[in-house]
Amino acid sequence: MTRAIKTLRAVAFVTYKEWAAYRSHMLLSLFIGPAFFLAQFFIWKAVYTGKTSMAGFTLEGMLYYYGTVAVINYLIMDFADWNLQMLIRTGRFLTFALRPMHHMFFALSQKVGHRILGFLVEFIPVWLLFALLFKIPLIPARPLWAIASITLGFLMMFLINYSAGILAFWLTRTDGLRWLLRFIRDVLAGVFIPLAFFPIGVQKALFFLPFQFTAYVPVRVFIGSYELAGLTMDIPRIVGLQAVAVLAMWGISRLLFRLGIRRYTGVGV
């Protein structure tokens, strides 16, 4: 365990230093969160005309939801699917296949370093922007549980994206499929619209899928309450369920990796 922690720290630090040299690229993403929020502000302000509540959300609650989505996305953002498919397509994955470190652990370590930089360059400035400009102080209702849930969302996002990248073992080029999977993932994770607005039958299906555990659950834990498909759960219980879902997704991703590596030839395209 000590050796693994040291390895993770070393890879994360190198990744942090590498991306810090090109942090101007990350600064562009500072506009994404606020722009997303402003779009939702004008849309929902029009939708709530003459209404005080929809699907359990007031207008103020809805804006708080989208503000939370915006900042949490900076913490859980992931590029494992693109990176893995690029390595497989070009044949460069062979160098990782020969190393004593499992590539999944290496990729996770990279994400840790990348998101530490994202916390400093993206999350903090946007959080301050929401607090000072939009007058929406995004303070978690239960900070420790929120941190735990965001960490699990961070892991779930990585595992889902890494599993998508594994498809390159069969398809080689997965650009179009990856973008489709990302869109479906965000829709079913409550990024574009709270899951409470889906029909009750769809909500019941979403409860058993992994996508809600990337964003919807961390956002609801941050807010301080969880409800889906008419089921209300207290915060410790839903975070515990989120942890079980992460373990299950880890098992699925490892199985997919073992199946995919059997097909790898190491030939670049």
C-alpha atoms as a PDB file:
ATOM      1  CA  MET A   1       0.000   0.000   0.000  1.00  0.00           C
ATOM      2  CA  THR A   2       2.832   2.390   0.886  1.00  0.00           C
ATOM      3  CA  ARG A   3       4.511   1.641  -2.431  1.00  0.00           C
ATOM      4  CA  ALA A   4       1.272   2.232  -4.323  1.00  0.00           C
ATOM      5  CA  ILE A   5       0.749   5.576  -2.595  1.00  0.00           C
ATOM      6  CA  LYS A   6       4.286   6.652  -3.437  1.00  0.00           C
ATOM      7  CA  THR A   7       3.785   5.637  -7.062  1.00  0.00           C
ATOM      8  CA  LEU A   8       0.465   7.462  -7.293  1.00  0.00           C
ATOM      9  CA  ARG A   9       2.004  10.570  -5.768  1.00  0.00           C
ATOM     10  CA  ALA A  10       4.966  10.487  -8.174  1.00  0.00           C
ATOM     11  CA  VAL A  11       2.822  10.058 -11.302  1.00  0.00           C
ATOM     12  CA  ALA A  12       0.329  12.679 -10.083  1.00  0.00           C
ATOM     13  CA  PHE A  13       3.130  15.155  -9.428  1.00  0.00           C
ATOM     14  CA  VAL A  14       4.654  14.648 -12.894  1.00  0.00           C
ATOM     15  CA  THR A  15       1.226  15.052 -14.506  1.00  0.00           C
ATOM     16  CA  TYR A  16       0.605  18.202 -12.457  1.00  0.00           C
ATOM     17  CA  LYS A  17       3.921  19.694 -13.579  1.00  0.00           C
ATOM     18  CA  GLU A  18       3.294  18.734 -17.206  1.00  0.00           C
ATOM     19  CA  TRP A  19      -0.160  20.307 -17.375  1.00  0.00           C
ATOM     20  CA  ALA A  20       0.927  23.320 -15.326  1.00  0.00           C
ATOM     21  CA  ALA A  21       3.242  24.222 -18.202  1.00  0.00           C
ATOM     22  CA  TYR A  22       0.151  24.484 -20.431  1.00  0.00           C
ATOM     23  CA  ARG A  23      -2.318  25.812 -17.877  1.00  0.00           C
ATOM     24  CA  SER A  24      -3.439  28.514 -20.325  1.00  0.00           C
ATOM     25  CA  HIS A  25      -5.334  25.743 -22.120  1.00  0.00           C
ATOM     26  CA  MET A  26      -7.182  24.981 -18.897  1.00  0.00           C
ATOM     27  CA  LEU A  27      -8.051  28.641 -18.386  1.00  0.00           C
ATOM     28  CA  LEU A  28     -10.397  28.400 -21.362  1.00  0.00           C
ATOM     29  CA  SER A  29     -12.546  25.998 -19.359  1.00  0.00           C
ATOM     30  CA  LEU A  30     -13.177  28.775 -16.817  1.00  0.00           C
ATOM     31  CA  PHE A  31     -15.810  30.091 -19.205  1.00  0.00           C
ATOM     32  CA  ILE A  32     -17.588  26.754 -19.607  1.00  0.00           C
ATOM     33  CA  GLY A  33     -19.074  26.476 -16.116  1.00  0.00           C
ATOM     34  CA  PRO A  34     -20.383  30.067 -15.895  1.00  0.00           C
ATOM     35  CA  ALA A  35     -21.658  29.952 -19.504  1.00  0.00           C
ATOM     36  CA  PHE A  36     -23.482  26.680 -18.770  1.00  0.00           C
ATOM     37  CA  PHE A  37     -25.023  28.229 -15.658  1.00  0.00           C
ATOM     38  CA  LEU A  38     -26.126  31.398 -17.453  1.00  0.00           C
ATOM     39  CA  ALA A  39     -27.836  29.339 -20.159  1.00  0.00           C
ATOM     40  CA  GLN A  40     -29.685  27.369 -17.498  1.00  0.00           C
ATOM     41  CA  PHE A  41     -30.564  30.590 -15.644  1.00  0.00           C
ATOM     42  CA  PHE A  42     -32.382  32.107 -18.611  1.00  0.00           C
ATOM     43  CA  ILE A  43     -34.038  28.817 -19.580  1.00  0.00           C
ATOM     44  CA  TRP A  44     -35.385  27.999 -16.142  1.00  0.00           C
ATOM     45  CA  LYS A  45     -36.355  31.576 -15.326  1.00  0.00           C
ATOM     46  CA  ALA A  46     -38.666  31.421 -18.334  1.00  0.00           C
ATOM     47  CA  VAL A  47     -39.909  27.929 -17.449  1.00  0.00           C
ATOM     48  CA  TYR A  48     -40.749  28.979 -13.873  1.00  0.00           C
ATOM     49  CA  THR A  49     -42.831  31.948 -14.981  1.00  0.00           C
ATOM     50  CA  GLY A  50     -46.065  31.663 -13.006  1.00  0.00           C
ATOM     51  CA  LYS A  51     -44.799  28.643 -11.068  1.00  0.00           C
ATOM     52  CA  THR A  52     -43.236  28.349  -7.630  1.00  0.00           C
ATOM     53  CA  SER A  53     -42.027  24.739  -7.734  1.00  0.00           C
ATOM     54  CA  MET A  54     -41.357  21.957 -10.246  1.00  0.00           C
ATOM     55  CA  ALA A  55     -40.383  18.363  -9.414  1.00  0.00           C
ATOM     56  CA  GLY A  56     -39.618  19.501  -5.886  1.00  0.00           C
ATOM     57  CA  PHE A  57     -37.326  22.371  -6.996  1.00  0.00           C
ATOM     58  CA  THR A  58     -37.987  26.079  -6.525  1.00  0.00           C
ATOM     59  CA  LEU A  59     -36.270  28.414  -8.993  1.00  0.00           C
ATOM     60  CA  GLU A  60     -33.635  29.230  -6.377  1.00  0.00           C
ATOM     61  CA  GLY A  61     -33.137  25.533  -5.691  1.00  0.00           C
ATOM     62  CA  MET A  62     -32.796  24.809  -9.396  1.00  0.00           C
ATOM     63  CA  LEU A  63     -30.138  27.497  -9.829  1.00  0.00           C
ATOM     64  CA  TYR A  64     -28.274  26.154  -6.794  1.00  0.00           C
ATOM     65  CA  TYR A  65     -28.428  22.683  -8.368  1.00  0.00           C
ATOM     66  CA  TYR A  66     -26.880  23.870 -11.640  1.00  0.00           C
ATOM     67  CA  GLY A  67     -24.253  25.941  -9.861  1.00  0.00           C
ATOM     68  CA  THR A  68     -23.256  22.847  -7.909  1.00  0.00           C
ATOM     69  CA  VAL A  69     -23.173  20.767 -11.101  1.00  0.00           C
ATOM     70  CA  ALA A  70     -20.872  23.327 -12.710  1.00  0.00           C
ATOM     71  CA  VAL A  71     -18.259  23.361  -9.941  1.00  0.00           C
ATOM     72  CA  ILE A  72     -18.349  19.620  -9.212  1.00  0.00           C
ATOM     73  CA  ASN A  73     -17.726  18.904 -12.896  1.00  0.00           C
ATOM     74  CA  TYR A  74     -14.371  20.668 -12.518  1.00  0.00           C
ATOM     75  CA  LEU A  75     -13.443  18.156  -9.809  1.00  0.00           C
ATOM     76  CA  ILE A  76     -14.535  14.935 -11.538  1.00  0.00           C
ATOM     77  CA  MET A  77     -13.657  15.778 -15.166  1.00  0.00           C
ATOM     78  CA  ASP A  78     -11.790  12.942 -16.861  1.00  0.00           C
ATOM     79  CA  PHE A  79      -9.887  12.176 -20.083  1.00  0.00           C
ATOM     80  CA  ALA A  80      -9.096   8.476 -19.545  1.00  0.00           C
ATOM     81  CA  ASP A  81     -11.229   7.329 -22.504  1.00  0.00           C
ATOM     82  CA  TRP A  82      -9.429   9.573 -25.002  1.00  0.00           C
ATOM     83  CA  ASN A  83      -5.978   8.791 -23.635  1.00  0.00           C
ATOM     84  CA  LEU A  84      -6.446   5.015 -23.607  1.00  0.00           C
ATOM     85  CA  GLN A  85      -7.900   4.801 -27.103  1.00  0.00           C
ATOM     86  CA  MET A  86      -5.065   6.990 -28.421  1.00  0.00           C
ATOM     87  CA  LEU A  87      -2.450   4.690 -26.893  1.00  0.00           C
ATOM     88  CA  ILE A  88      -4.140   1.598 -28.311  1.00  0.00           C
ATOM     89  CA  ARG A  89      -4.687   3.111 -31.773  1.00  0.00           C
ATOM     90  CA  THR A  90      -1.080   4.270 -32.143  1.00  0.00           C
ATOM     91  CA  GLY A  91       0.467   1.122 -30.677  1.00  0.00           C
ATOM     92  CA  ARG A  92       2.055   3.072 -27.818  1.00  0.00           C
ATOM     93  CA  PHE A  93       0.066   1.054 -25.307  1.00  0.00           C
ATOM     94  CA  LEU A  94       2.654  -1.700 -25.781  1.00  0.00           C
ATOM     95  CA  THR A  95       5.132   0.259 -23.637  1.00  0.00           C
ATOM     96  CA  PHE A  96       2.592   0.276 -20.786  1.00  0.00           C
ATOM     97  CA  ALA A  97       1.730  -3.404 -21.251  1.00  0.00           C
ATOM     98  CA  LEU A  98       5.379  -4.241 -20.560  1.00  0.00           C
ATOM     99  CA  ARG A  99       5.606  -2.159 -17.390  1.00  0.00           C
ATOM    100  CA  PRO A 100       5.160  -3.627 -13.886  1.00  0.00           C
ATOM    101  CA  MET A 101       2.427  -1.038 -13.130  1.00  0.00           C
ATOM    102  CA  HIS A 102      -1.131  -1.713 -14.318  1.00  0.00           C
ATOM    103  CA  HIS A 103      -2.141   0.972 -16.806  1.00  0.00           C
ATOM    104  CA  MET A 104      -5.459   1.588 -15.034  1.00  0.00           C
ATOM    105  CA  PHE A 105      -3.598   2.620 -11.885  1.00  0.00           C
ATOM    106  CA  PHE A 106      -1.240   4.784 -13.931  1.00  0.00           C
ATOM    107  CA  ALA A 107      -4.183   6.506 -15.649  1.00  0.00           C
ATOM    108  CA  LEU A 108      -5.914   7.089 -12.307  1.00  0.00           C
ATOM    109  CA  SER A 109      -2.725   8.628 -10.921  1.00  0.00           C
ATOM    110  CA  GLN A 110      -2.592  10.929 -13.935  1.00  0.00           C
ATOM    111  CA  LYS A 111      -6.152  12.028 -13.272  1.00  0.00           C
ATOM    112  CA  VAL A 112      -5.324  12.819  -9.637  1.00  0.00           C
ATOM    113  CA  GLY A 113      -2.516  15.167 -10.700  1.00  0.00           C
ATOM    114  CA  HIS A 114      -4.620  16.725 -13.452  1.00  0.00           C
ATOM    115  CA  ARG A 115      -7.553  17.422 -11.147  1.00  0.00           C
ATOM    116  CA  ILE A 116      -5.353  18.844  -8.370  1.00  0.00           C
ATOM    117  CA  LEU A 117      -4.288  21.438 -10.903  1.00  0.00           C
ATOM    118  CA  GLY A 118      -7.929  21.789 -11.990  1.00  0.00           C
ATOM    119  CA  PHE A 119      -8.919  22.455  -8.382  1.00  0.00           C
ATOM    120  CA  LEU A 120      -6.497  25.380  -8.211  1.00  0.00           C
ATOM    121  CA  VAL A 121      -6.932  26.797 -11.718  1.00  0.00           C
ATOM    122  CA  GLU A 122     -10.606  26.026 -12.423  1.00  0.00           C
ATOM    123  CA  PHE A 123     -12.620  25.112  -9.344  1.00  0.00           C
ATOM    124  CA  ILE A 124     -11.538  27.887  -6.954  1.00  0.00           C
ATOM    125  CA  PRO A 125     -11.921  30.782  -9.455  1.00  0.00           C
ATOM    126  CA  VAL A 126     -15.346  29.572 -10.612  1.00  0.00           C
ATOM    127  CA  TRP A 127     -16.504  28.958  -7.032  1.00  0.00           C
ATOM    128  CA  LEU A 128     -15.527  32.533  -6.186  1.00  0.00           C
ATOM    129  CA  LEU A 129     -17.309  33.759  -9.304  1.00  0.00           C
ATOM    130  CA  PHE A 130     -20.542  32.095  -8.212  1.00  0.00           C
ATOM    131  CA  ALA A 131     -20.207  33.501  -4.695  1.00  0.00           C
ATOM    132  CA  LEU A 132     -19.264  37.068  -5.629  1.00  0.00           C
ATOM    133  CA  LEU A 133     -20.941  37.667  -9.001  1.00  0.00           C
ATOM    134  CA  PHE A 134     -23.978  35.366  -9.005  1.00  0.00           C
ATOM    135  CA  LYS A 135     -24.474  35.651  -5.217  1.00  0.00           C
ATOM    136  CA  ILE A 136     -24.700  31.868  -4.896  1.00  0.00           C
ATOM    137  CA  PRO A 137     -22.350  30.702  -2.119  1.00  0.00           C
ATOM    138  CA  LEU A 138     -21.926  26.996  -2.837  1.00  0.00           C
ATOM    139  CA  ILE A 139     -21.453  25.598   0.665  1.00  0.00           C
ATOM    140  CA  PRO A 140     -22.141  21.861   1.167  1.00  0.00           C
ATOM    141  CA  ALA A 141     -24.836  21.025   3.693  1.00  0.00           C
ATOM    142  CA  ARG A 142     -22.657  18.252   5.156  1.00  0.00           C
ATOM    143  CA  PRO A 143     -19.048  18.918   4.127  1.00  0.00           C
ATOM    144  CA  LEU A 144     -17.448  15.579   5.046  1.00  0.00           C
ATOM    145  CA  TRP A 145     -20.121  13.528   3.302  1.00  0.00           C
ATOM    146  CA  ALA A 146     -19.932  15.853   0.300  1.00  0.00           C
ATOM    147  CA  ILE A 147     -16.166  15.323   0.052  1.00  0.00           C
ATOM    148  CA  ALA A 148     -16.655  11.546   0.286  1.00  0.00           C
ATOM    149  CA  SER A 149     -19.358  11.556  -2.394  1.00  0.00           C
ATOM    150  CA  ILE A 150     -17.372  13.801  -4.766  1.00  0.00           C
ATOM    151  CA  THR A 151     -14.351  11.503  -4.329  1.00  0.00           C
ATOM    152  CA  LEU A 152     -16.488   8.486  -5.218  1.00  0.00           C
ATOM    153  CA  GLY A 153     -17.946  10.420  -8.159  1.00  0.00           C
ATOM    154  CA  PHE A 154     -14.388  11.163  -9.238  1.00  0.00           C
ATOM    155  CA  LEU A 155     -13.614   7.415  -9.215  1.00  0.00           C
ATOM    156  CA  MET A 156     -16.851   6.437 -10.938  1.00  0.00           C
ATOM    157  CA  MET A 157     -16.284   8.953 -13.728  1.00  0.00           C
ATOM    158  CA  PHE A 158     -12.802   7.544 -14.252  1.00  0.00           C
ATOM    159  CA  LEU A 159     -13.997   3.930 -14.326  1.00  0.00           C
ATOM    160  CA  ILE A 160     -16.817   4.644 -16.786  1.00  0.00           C
ATOM    161  CA  ASN A 161     -14.530   6.596 -19.103  1.00  0.00           C
ATOM    162  CA  TYR A 162     -11.728   4.052 -18.827  1.00  0.00           C
ATOM    163  CA  SER A 163     -14.181   1.295 -19.721  1.00  0.00           C
ATOM    164  CA  ALA A 164     -15.215   3.325 -22.769  1.00  0.00           C
ATOM    165  CA  GLY A 165     -11.558   3.634 -23.746  1.00  0.00           C
ATOM    166  CA  ILE A 166     -11.149  -0.149 -23.458  1.00  0.00           C
ATOM    167  CA  LEU A 167     -13.522  -0.514 -26.410  1.00  0.00           C
ATOM    168  CA  ALA A 168     -10.604   0.585 -28.598  1.00  0.00           C
ATOM    169  CA  PHE A 169      -9.183  -2.942 -28.199  1.00  0.00           C
ATOM    170  CA  TRP A 170     -12.044  -4.060 -30.458  1.00  0.00           C
ATOM    171  CA  LEU A 171     -12.846  -0.942 -32.507  1.00  0.00           C
ATOM    172  CA  THR A 172      -9.444   0.842 -32.697  1.00  0.00           C
ATOM    173  CA  ARG A 173     -11.069   4.210 -33.520  1.00  0.00           C
ATOM    174  CA  THR A 174     -13.736   5.149 -31.013  1.00  0.00           C
ATOM    175  CA  ASP A 175     -14.028   8.938 -31.382  1.00  0.00           C
ATOM    176  CA  GLY A 176     -17.669   9.018 -32.468  1.00  0.00           C
ATOM    177  CA  LEU A 177     -18.700   6.319 -30.012  1.00  0.00           C
ATOM    178  CA  ARG A 178     -16.902   8.047 -27.148  1.00  0.00           C
ATOM    179  CA  TRP A 179     -18.684  11.333 -27.795  1.00  0.00           C
ATOM    180  CA  LEU A 180     -22.023   9.507 -27.928  1.00  0.00           C
ATOM    181  CA  LEU A 181     -21.268   7.684 -24.683  1.00  0.00           C
ATOM    182  CA  ARG A 182     -20.220  10.951 -23.036  1.00  0.00           C
ATOM    183  CA  PHE A 183     -23.488  12.604 -24.052  1.00  0.00           C
ATOM    184  CA  ILE A 184     -25.554   9.666 -22.792  1.00  0.00           C
ATOM    185  CA  ARG A 185     -23.522   9.588 -19.578  1.00  0.00           C
ATOM    186  CA  ASP A 186     -24.129  13.287 -18.860  1.00  0.00           C
ATOM    187  CA  VAL A 187     -27.844  13.080 -19.670  1.00  0.00           C
ATOM    188  CA  LEU A 188     -28.309  10.072 -17.386  1.00  0.00           C
ATOM    189  CA  ALA A 189     -26.110  11.634 -14.685  1.00  0.00           C
ATOM    190  CA  GLY A 190     -28.366  14.662 -14.279  1.00  0.00           C
ATOM    191  CA  VAL A 191     -25.916  17.177 -15.749  1.00  0.00           C
ATOM    192  CA  PHE A 192     -28.335  18.715 -18.249  1.00  0.00           C
ATOM    193  CA  ILE A 193     -31.553  18.206 -16.299  1.00  0.00           C
ATOM    194  CA  PRO A 194     -32.205  16.848 -12.779  1.00  0.00           C
ATOM    195  CA  LEU A 195     -33.164  13.189 -12.878  1.00  0.00           C
ATOM    196  CA  ALA A 196     -36.353  14.019 -10.967  1.00  0.00           C
ATOM    197  CA  PHE A 197     -37.777  15.414 -14.234  1.00  0.00           C
ATOM    198  CA  PHE A 198     -37.591  12.042 -15.989  1.00  0.00           C
ATOM    199  CA  PRO A 199     -40.692   9.787 -16.026  1.00  0.00           C
ATOM    200  CA  ILE A 200     -40.927   7.627 -12.921  1.00  0.00           C
ATOM    201  CA  GLY A 201     -40.273   4.447 -14.902  1.00  0.00           C
ATOM    202  CA  VAL A 202     -37.061   5.900 -16.334  1.00  0.00           C
ATOM    203  CA  GLN A 203     -36.002   7.053 -12.867  1.00  0.00           C
ATOM    204  CA  LYS A 204     -36.361   3.501 -11.549  1.00  0.00           C
ATOM    205  CA  ALA A 205     -34.083   2.240 -14.325  1.00  0.00           C
ATOM    206  CA  LEU A 206     -31.557   5.024 -13.711  1.00  0.00           C
ATOM    207  CA  PHE A 207     -31.349   4.024 -10.053  1.00  0.00           C
ATOM    208  CA  PHE A 208     -29.630   0.770 -11.079  1.00  0.00           C
ATOM    209  CA  LEU A 209     -27.269   2.333 -13.632  1.00  0.00           C
ATOM    210  CA  PRO A 210     -23.828   3.722 -12.686  1.00  0.00           C
ATOM    211  CA  PHE A 211     -24.258   7.145 -14.281  1.00  0.00           C
ATOM    212  CA  GLN A 212     -26.110   8.877 -11.435  1.00  0.00           C
ATOM    213  CA  PHE A 213     -23.139   8.167  -9.165  1.00  0.00           C
ATOM    214  CA  THR A 214     -20.838  10.414 -11.212  1.00  0.00           C
ATOM    215  CA  ALA A 215     -22.682  13.712 -10.808  1.00  0.00           C
ATOM    216  CA  TYR A 216     -26.297  13.442  -9.601  1.00  0.00           C
ATOM    217  CA  VAL A 217     -25.494  11.755  -6.288  1.00  0.00           C
ATOM    218  CA  PRO A 218     -22.551  14.074  -5.428  1.00  0.00           C
ATOM    219  CA  VAL A 219     -24.706  17.099  -6.269  1.00  0.00           C
ATOM    220  CA  ARG A 220     -27.620  15.887  -4.149  1.00  0.00           C
ATOM    221  CA  VAL A 221     -25.279  15.026  -1.264  1.00  0.00           C
ATOM    222  CA  PHE A 222     -23.738  18.493  -1.610  1.00  0.00           C
ATOM    223  CA  ILE A 223     -27.220  20.021  -1.411  1.00  0.00           C
ATOM    224  CA  GLY A 224     -28.106  17.823   1.559  1.00  0.00           C
ATOM    225  CA  SER A 225     -30.914  15.561   0.338  1.00  0.00           C
ATOM    226  CA  TYR A 226     -31.366  12.663  -2.085  1.00  0.00           C
ATOM    227  CA  GLU A 227     -34.464  11.525  -3.941  1.00  0.00           C
ATOM    228  CA  LEU A 228     -34.967   9.457  -7.082  1.00  0.00           C
ATOM    229  CA  ALA A 229     -37.884   7.390  -8.368  1.00  0.00           C
ATOM    230  CA  GLY A 230     -39.907   8.380  -5.314  1.00  0.00           C
ATOM    231  CA  LEU A 231     -37.245   6.922  -3.038  1.00  0.00           C
ATOM    232  CA  THR A 232     -35.722   9.173  -0.402  1.00  0.00           C
ATOM    233  CA  MET A 233     -32.445   8.081   1.207  1.00  0.00           C
ATOM    234  CA  ASP A 234     -30.434   9.656   3.988  1.00  0.00           C
ATOM    235  CA  ILE A 235     -26.963  10.907   3.081  1.00  0.00           C
ATOM    236  CA  PRO A 236     -24.835   8.163   4.719  1.00  0.00           C
ATOM    237  CA  ARG A 237     -26.889   5.439   3.032  1.00  0.00           C
ATOM    238  CA  ILE A 238     -26.706   6.877  -0.482  1.00  0.00           C
ATOM    239  CA  VAL A 239     -22.955   7.489  -0.121  1.00  0.00           C
ATOM    240  CA  GLY A 240     -22.564   3.876   1.008  1.00  0.00           C
ATOM    241  CA  LEU A 241     -24.530   2.715  -2.018  1.00  0.00           C
ATOM    242  CA  GLN A 242     -22.313   4.922  -4.179  1.00  0.00           C
ATOM    243  CA  ALA A 243     -19.231   3.170  -2.761  1.00  0.00           C
ATOM    244  CA  VAL A 244     -20.723  -0.247  -3.607  1.00  0.00           C
ATOM    245  CA  ALA A 245     -21.460   0.959  -7.151  1.00  0.00           C
ATOM    246  CA  VAL A 246     -17.844   2.134  -7.560  1.00  0.00           C
ATOM    247  CA  LEU A 247     -16.554  -1.289  -6.469  1.00  0.00           C
ATOM    248  CA  ALA A 248     -18.906  -2.995  -8.924  1.00  0.00           C
ATOM    249  CA  MET A 249     -17.792  -0.706 -11.746  1.00  0.00           C
ATOM    250  CA  TRP A 250     -14.156  -1.396 -10.868  1.00  0.00           C
ATOM    251  CA  GLY A 251     -14.820  -5.120 -11.259  1.00  0.00           C
ATOM    252  CA  ILE A 252     -16.514  -4.568 -14.626  1.00  0.00           C
ATOM    253  CA  SER A 253     -13.679  -2.411 -15.919  1.00  0.00           C
ATOM    254  CA  ARG A 254     -11.065  -4.969 -14.863  1.00  0.00           C
ATOM    255  CA  LEU A 255     -13.007  -7.720 -16.627  1.00  0.00           C
ATOM    256  CA  LEU A 256     -13.300  -5.636 -19.809  1.00  0.00           C
ATOM    257  CA  PHE A 257      -9.576  -4.903 -19.660  1.00  0.00           C
ATOM    258  CA  ARG A 258      -8.680  -8.595 -19.389  1.00  0.00           C
ATOM    259  CA  LEU A 259     -10.928  -9.424 -22.334  1.00  0.00           C
ATOM    260  CA  GLY A 260      -9.578  -6.526 -24.382  1.00  0.00           C
ATOM    261  CA  ILE A 261      -5.883  -7.128 -23.741  1.00  0.00           C
ATOM    262  CA  ARG A 262      -6.212 -10.564 -25.333  1.00  0.00           C
ATOM    263  CA  ARG A 263      -6.995  -8.861 -28.620  1.00  0.00           C
ATOM    264  CA  TYR A 264      -4.166  -6.341 -28.480  1.00  0.00           C
ATOM    265  CA  THR A 265      -1.533  -6.739 -31.184  1.00  0.00           C
ATOM    266  CA  GLY A 266       0.575  -3.627 -30.498  1.00  0.00           C
ATOM    267  CA  VAL A 267       0.265  -2.432 -34.094  1.00  0.00           C
ATOM    268  CA  GLY A 268      -0.277   1.292 -34.585  1.00  0.00           C
ATOM    269  CA  VAL A 269      -2.813   2.720 -36.999  1.00  0.00           C
END
